Amino acid sequence: MEAIMALVVGALFGASVYMMLRRSIVKLVIGLILLSNAANLLIFTVSGLTRGAPPLIPEGMQMPDGAWADPLPQALILTAIVIGFGVLAFAVVLIHRAYEVVGEDDLDQMRSTDT
């Protein structure tokens, strides 16, 4: 399962870099979304995929007797999702305002209006 996830993470990173190198500012934001999703999947994959196991240790035990899932990567990724959504909302508003002012979504055309 980790090999498949590694291929998915690599494909998402590759697609995000490709999208961020485009001249359209909308494609830049799509690349940022893909990059944040790829980073989240990378953290999940590196932390180890444990399916069907609870992230809790029973009361009175020092270590679980069976399989268990580490809750720290889940908490980190939940925080990253919330922060990524905030950054995405800010970027969409910024792009909308830049498009209203400049009238273009091409980054080269936006650069020529800096006079």
C-alpha atoms as a PDB file:
ATOM      1  CA  MET A   1       0.000   0.000   0.000  1.00  0.00           C
ATOM      2  CA  GLU A   2       2.858   2.387   0.766  1.00  0.00           C
ATOM      3  CA  ALA A   3       4.271   1.936  -2.740  1.00  0.00           C
ATOM      4  CA  ILE A   4       0.980   2.984  -4.309  1.00  0.00           C
ATOM      5  CA  MET A   5       0.748   5.981  -1.984  1.00  0.00           C
ATOM      6  CA  ALA A   6       4.324   6.945  -2.841  1.00  0.00           C
ATOM      7  CA  LEU A   7       3.433   6.931  -6.543  1.00  0.00           C
ATOM      8  CA  VAL A   8       0.314   9.029  -5.870  1.00  0.00           C
ATOM      9  CA  VAL A   9       2.318  11.538  -3.812  1.00  0.00           C
ATOM     10  CA  GLY A  10       4.969  11.754  -6.525  1.00  0.00           C
ATOM     11  CA  ALA A  11       2.321  12.292  -9.205  1.00  0.00           C
ATOM     12  CA  LEU A  12       0.657  15.014  -7.143  1.00  0.00           C
ATOM     13  CA  PHE A  13       3.975  16.774  -6.515  1.00  0.00           C
ATOM     14  CA  GLY A  14       4.823  16.583 -10.219  1.00  0.00           C
ATOM     15  CA  ALA A  15       1.415  17.899 -11.260  1.00  0.00           C
ATOM     16  CA  SER A  16       1.593  20.707  -8.718  1.00  0.00           C
ATOM     17  CA  VAL A  17       5.029  21.854  -9.903  1.00  0.00           C
ATOM     18  CA  TYR A  18       3.822  21.726 -13.518  1.00  0.00           C
ATOM     19  CA  MET A  19       0.735  23.796 -12.665  1.00  0.00           C
ATOM     20  CA  MET A  20       2.733  26.346 -10.660  1.00  0.00           C
ATOM     21  CA  LEU A  21       5.114  26.902 -13.588  1.00  0.00           C
ATOM     22  CA  ARG A  22       2.245  27.921 -15.895  1.00  0.00           C
ATOM     23  CA  ARG A  23       1.645  31.592 -16.678  1.00  0.00           C
ATOM     24  CA  SER A  24      -1.964  31.691 -15.502  1.00  0.00           C
ATOM     25  CA  ILE A  25      -2.505  32.784 -11.927  1.00  0.00           C
ATOM     26  CA  VAL A  26      -5.512  30.453 -11.612  1.00  0.00           C
ATOM     27  CA  LYS A  27      -3.290  27.491 -12.506  1.00  0.00           C
ATOM     28  CA  LEU A  28      -0.824  28.713  -9.895  1.00  0.00           C
ATOM     29  CA  VAL A  29      -3.493  28.443  -7.198  1.00  0.00           C
ATOM     30  CA  ILE A  30      -4.542  24.993  -8.440  1.00  0.00           C
ATOM     31  CA  GLY A  31      -0.885  23.973  -8.175  1.00  0.00           C
ATOM     32  CA  LEU A  32      -0.762  25.250  -4.599  1.00  0.00           C
ATOM     33  CA  ILE A  33      -3.849  23.189  -3.746  1.00  0.00           C
ATOM     34  CA  LEU A  34      -2.270  20.078  -5.254  1.00  0.00           C
ATOM     35  CA  LEU A  35       0.981  20.777  -3.413  1.00  0.00           C
ATOM     36  CA  SER A  36      -0.749  21.006  -0.034  1.00  0.00           C
ATOM     37  CA  ASN A  37      -2.673  17.789  -0.698  1.00  0.00           C
ATOM     38  CA  ALA A  38       0.535  16.035  -1.760  1.00  0.00           C
ATOM     39  CA  ALA A  39       2.302  17.177   1.411  1.00  0.00           C
ATOM     40  CA  ASN A  40      -0.587  15.901   3.547  1.00  0.00           C
ATOM     41  CA  LEU A  41      -0.532  12.513   1.825  1.00  0.00           C
ATOM     42  CA  LEU A  42       3.243  12.393   2.242  1.00  0.00           C
ATOM     43  CA  ILE A  43       2.909  12.852   6.004  1.00  0.00           C
ATOM     44  CA  PHE A  44       0.274  10.108   6.149  1.00  0.00           C
ATOM     45  CA  THR A  45       2.421   7.742   4.098  1.00  0.00           C
ATOM     46  CA  VAL A  46       5.616   8.361   6.069  1.00  0.00           C
ATOM     47  CA  SER A  47       3.839   7.931   9.403  1.00  0.00           C
ATOM     48  CA  GLY A  48       2.706   4.458   8.401  1.00  0.00           C
ATOM     49  CA  LEU A  49      -0.723   3.401   7.264  1.00  0.00           C
ATOM     50  CA  THR A  50      -2.606   1.422   9.902  1.00  0.00           C
ATOM     51  CA  ARG A  51      -6.109   0.537   8.789  1.00  0.00           C
ATOM     52  CA  GLY A  52      -8.864  -0.307  11.244  1.00  0.00           C
ATOM     53  CA  ALA A  53      -6.787   0.313  14.372  1.00  0.00           C
ATOM     54  CA  PRO A  54      -7.784   2.904  16.967  1.00  0.00           C
ATOM     55  CA  PRO A  55      -5.416   5.736  17.900  1.00  0.00           C
ATOM     56  CA  LEU A  56      -6.065   5.103  21.602  1.00  0.00           C
ATOM     57  CA  ILE A  57      -4.384   3.014  24.277  1.00  0.00           C
ATOM     58  CA  PRO A  58      -6.793   1.227  26.642  1.00  0.00           C
ATOM     59  CA  GLU A  59      -6.990   2.589  30.178  1.00  0.00           C
ATOM     60  CA  GLY A  60      -4.462   1.158  32.586  1.00  0.00           C
ATOM     61  CA  MET A  61      -2.005  -0.027  29.903  1.00  0.00           C
ATOM     62  CA  GLN A  62       1.398   1.436  29.073  1.00  0.00           C
ATOM     63  CA  MET A  63       1.489   0.085  25.504  1.00  0.00           C
ATOM     64  CA  PRO A  64      -1.299  -1.294  23.328  1.00  0.00           C
ATOM     65  CA  ASP A  65      -1.350  -5.054  22.903  1.00  0.00           C
ATOM     66  CA  GLY A  66      -2.394  -4.974  19.242  1.00  0.00           C
ATOM     67  CA  ALA A  67      -2.101  -2.657  16.279  1.00  0.00           C
ATOM     68  CA  TRP A  68      -2.666   1.044  16.891  1.00  0.00           C
ATOM     69  CA  ALA A  69      -2.593   4.199  14.793  1.00  0.00           C
ATOM     70  CA  ASP A  70      -0.439   7.180  15.699  1.00  0.00           C
ATOM     71  CA  PRO A  71      -2.753  10.186  16.293  1.00  0.00           C
ATOM     72  CA  LEU A  72      -0.028  12.855  15.889  1.00  0.00           C
ATOM     73  CA  PRO A  73       0.140  12.793  12.052  1.00  0.00           C
ATOM     74  CA  GLN A  74      -3.645  12.929  11.930  1.00  0.00           C
ATOM     75  CA  ALA A  75      -3.685  16.018  14.125  1.00  0.00           C
ATOM     76  CA  LEU A  76      -0.918  17.676  12.108  1.00  0.00           C
ATOM     77  CA  ILE A  77      -2.721  17.038   8.839  1.00  0.00           C
ATOM     78  CA  LEU A  78      -6.034  18.294  10.203  1.00  0.00           C
ATOM     79  CA  THR A  79      -4.287  21.522  11.189  1.00  0.00           C
ATOM     80  CA  ALA A  80      -2.610  21.716   7.770  1.00  0.00           C
ATOM     81  CA  ILE A  81      -5.968  21.286   6.021  1.00  0.00           C
ATOM     82  CA  VAL A  82      -7.476  24.197   7.966  1.00  0.00           C
ATOM     83  CA  ILE A  83      -4.476  26.448   7.324  1.00  0.00           C
ATOM     84  CA  GLY A  84      -4.425  25.440   3.649  1.00  0.00           C
ATOM     85  CA  PHE A  85      -8.099  26.327   3.305  1.00  0.00           C
ATOM     86  CA  GLY A  86      -7.438  29.765   4.794  1.00  0.00           C
ATOM     87  CA  VAL A  87      -4.531  30.369   2.419  1.00  0.00           C
ATOM     88  CA  LEU A  88      -6.665  29.195  -0.501  1.00  0.00           C
ATOM     89  CA  ALA A  89      -9.498  31.566   0.428  1.00  0.00           C
ATOM     90  CA  PHE A  90      -7.039  34.463   0.685  1.00  0.00           C
ATOM     91  CA  ALA A  91      -5.457  33.566  -2.671  1.00  0.00           C
ATOM     92  CA  VAL A  92      -8.833  33.380  -4.423  1.00  0.00           C
ATOM     93  CA  VAL A  93      -9.839  36.820  -3.115  1.00  0.00           C
ATOM     94  CA  LEU A  94      -6.433  38.234  -4.084  1.00  0.00           C
ATOM     95  CA  ILE A  95      -6.700  36.770  -7.591  1.00  0.00           C
ATOM     96  CA  HIS A  96     -10.224  38.114  -7.998  1.00  0.00           C
ATOM     97  CA  ARG A  97      -9.095  41.599  -7.004  1.00  0.00           C
ATOM     98  CA  ALA A  98      -6.019  41.460  -9.250  1.00  0.00           C
ATOM     99  CA  TYR A  99      -8.183  40.365 -12.173  1.00  0.00           C
ATOM    100  CA  GLU A 100     -10.578  43.266 -11.557  1.00  0.00           C
ATOM    101  CA  VAL A 101      -7.719  45.790 -11.530  1.00  0.00           C
ATOM    102  CA  VAL A 102      -5.581  44.399 -14.359  1.00  0.00           C
ATOM    103  CA  GLY A 103      -8.148  42.553 -16.461  1.00  0.00           C
ATOM    104  CA  GLU A 104      -5.736  39.663 -17.160  1.00  0.00           C
ATOM    105  CA  ASP A 105      -4.861  36.420 -15.453  1.00  0.00           C
ATOM    106  CA  ASP A 106      -1.573  36.025 -17.331  1.00  0.00           C
ATOM    107  CA  LEU A 107       1.344  36.700 -14.986  1.00  0.00           C
ATOM    108  CA  ASP A 108       3.466  38.241 -17.767  1.00  0.00           C
ATOM    109  CA  GLN A 109       0.696  40.718 -18.593  1.00  0.00           C
ATOM    110  CA  MET A 110       0.321  41.589 -14.915  1.00  0.00           C
ATOM    111  CA  ARG A 111       4.034  42.353 -14.682  1.00  0.00           C
ATOM    112  CA  SER A 112       3.811  44.858 -17.543  1.00  0.00           C
ATOM    113  CA  THR A 113       1.212  46.911 -15.623  1.00  0.00           C
ATOM    114  CA  ASP A 114       3.609  47.721 -12.757  1.00  0.00           C
ATOM    115  CA  THR A 115       4.550  51.130 -14.167  1.00  0.00           C
END
